[in-house]
Amino acid sequence: MKTESPINKDLILRERLALQRTILANQSTFLAFLRTSLYFFVAGLSITSLLNLTNSITIEIFFFTSSFIIFLIGIVNYFRQKKLIIESEKNIGDFINNYL
């Protein structure tokens, strides 16, 4: 008669920690998008005084538009990845419930 080997609970812990690292990486990526968006916004605000341009409205509009687009991409990316993380977490949860 075969005896089954005990379940390696370290594997379950590693999977939980990997999910936590993935969540933190997703949040860090969103903050990087936000930071870049703010850089473009500040550049749009300060371009007139920095370069002493009188008709710099097109450059300002470019920076403000770029800032807004980068911010939207960051938000969409964050929620799309969050949804994928939650779906993968459900799979890990089923695995844990089956073997506990």
Protein backbone atom coordinates (compact mmCIF):
# COMPACT_ATOMS: atom_id res chain seq x y z
CA MET A 1 0.00 0.00 0.00
CA LYS A 2 1.29 3.45 -0.99
CA THR A 3 1.49 6.21 1.53
CA GLU A 4 0.88 9.72 0.33
CA SER A 5 3.52 12.30 1.03
CA PRO A 6 2.51 15.22 3.27
CA ILE A 7 1.54 18.47 1.60
CA ASN A 8 4.28 21.03 1.37
CA LYS A 9 2.78 24.03 3.15
CA ASP A 10 5.84 26.12 2.23
CA LEU A 11 4.62 26.05 -1.36
CA ILE A 12 1.32 27.60 -0.31
CA LEU A 13 3.16 30.30 1.66
CA ARG A 14 5.42 31.01 -1.33
CA GLU A 15 2.39 31.40 -3.56
CA ARG A 16 0.77 33.84 -1.13
CA LEU A 17 3.98 35.84 -0.91
CA ALA A 18 4.31 35.85 -4.70
CA LEU A 19 0.78 37.23 -4.98
CA GLN A 20 1.59 39.92 -2.42
CA ARG A 21 4.73 40.89 -4.36
CA THR A 22 2.66 41.07 -7.54
CA ILE A 23 0.12 43.34 -5.87
CA LEU A 24 2.88 45.62 -4.60
CA ALA A 25 4.52 45.69 -8.04
CA ASN A 26 1.19 46.69 -9.59
CA GLN A 27 0.82 49.54 -7.08
CA SER A 28 4.40 50.64 -7.69
CA THR A 29 3.81 50.69 -11.44
CA PHE A 30 0.71 52.85 -10.98
CA LEU A 31 2.69 55.28 -8.84
CA ALA A 32 5.37 55.46 -11.55
CA PHE A 33 2.69 56.37 -14.10
CA LEU A 34 1.34 59.00 -11.70
CA ARG A 35 4.82 60.44 -11.11
CA THR A 36 5.51 60.68 -14.84
CA SER A 37 2.13 62.29 -15.40
CA LEU A 38 2.88 64.88 -12.74
CA TYR A 39 6.28 65.61 -14.33
CA PHE A 40 4.59 66.37 -17.63
CA PHE A 41 1.98 68.52 -15.87
CA VAL A 42 4.63 70.56 -14.05
CA ALA A 43 6.58 70.92 -17.30
CA GLY A 44 3.44 72.31 -18.91
CA LEU A 45 3.02 74.80 -16.08
CA SER A 46 6.60 76.02 -16.07
CA ILE A 47 7.49 76.01 -19.78
CA THR A 48 6.54 79.67 -20.29
CA SER A 49 8.71 81.03 -17.51
CA LEU A 50 11.55 78.62 -18.19
CA LEU A 51 12.05 79.41 -21.87
CA ASN A 52 10.69 82.97 -21.85
CA LEU A 53 8.31 82.16 -24.69
CA THR A 54 5.33 84.38 -25.33
CA ASN A 55 3.34 82.02 -27.58
CA SER A 56 3.95 78.74 -25.84
CA ILE A 57 0.31 77.70 -25.59
CA THR A 58 0.79 74.81 -28.04
CA ILE A 59 3.69 73.44 -26.03
CA GLU A 60 1.67 73.76 -22.82
CA ILE A 61 -1.28 71.98 -24.41
CA PHE A 62 1.06 69.20 -25.56
CA PHE A 63 2.40 68.70 -22.03
CA PHE A 64 -1.04 68.84 -20.40
CA THR A 65 -2.48 66.40 -22.93
CA SER A 66 0.48 64.05 -22.53
CA SER A 67 0.07 64.21 -18.76
CA PHE A 68 -3.61 63.34 -18.99
CA ILE A 69 -3.03 60.46 -21.44
CA ILE A 70 -0.23 58.97 -19.31
CA PHE A 71 -2.44 59.20 -16.23
CA LEU A 72 -5.33 57.44 -18.03
CA ILE A 73 -3.02 54.69 -19.30
CA GLY A 74 -1.77 54.19 -15.73
CA ILE A 75 -5.32 53.89 -14.35
CA VAL A 76 -6.42 51.45 -17.07
CA ASN A 77 -3.26 49.37 -16.62
CA TYR A 78 -3.68 49.28 -12.83
CA PHE A 79 -7.27 48.04 -12.89
CA ARG A 80 -6.63 45.54 -15.70
CA GLN A 81 -3.71 44.02 -13.80
CA LYS A 82 -5.66 44.09 -10.53
CA LYS A 83 -8.43 42.07 -12.18
CA LEU A 84 -5.90 39.51 -13.45
CA ILE A 85 -4.32 39.27 -10.00
CA ILE A 86 -7.71 38.64 -8.36
CA GLU A 87 -8.47 35.92 -10.92
CA SER A 88 -5.15 34.19 -10.27
CA GLU A 89 -5.71 34.52 -6.51
CA LYS A 90 -8.98 32.61 -6.86
CA ASN A 91 -7.06 29.74 -8.43
CA ILE A 92 -4.61 29.71 -5.55
CA GLY A 93 -7.52 29.79 -3.11
CA ASP A 94 -9.08 26.71 -4.72
CA PHE A 95 -5.75 24.93 -4.46
CA ILE A 96 -5.49 25.75 -0.75
CA ASN A 97 -9.04 24.62 0.00
CA ASN A 98 -8.53 21.31 -1.79
CA TYR A 99 -5.50 20.31 0.27
CA LEU A 100 -6.15 21.64 3.76
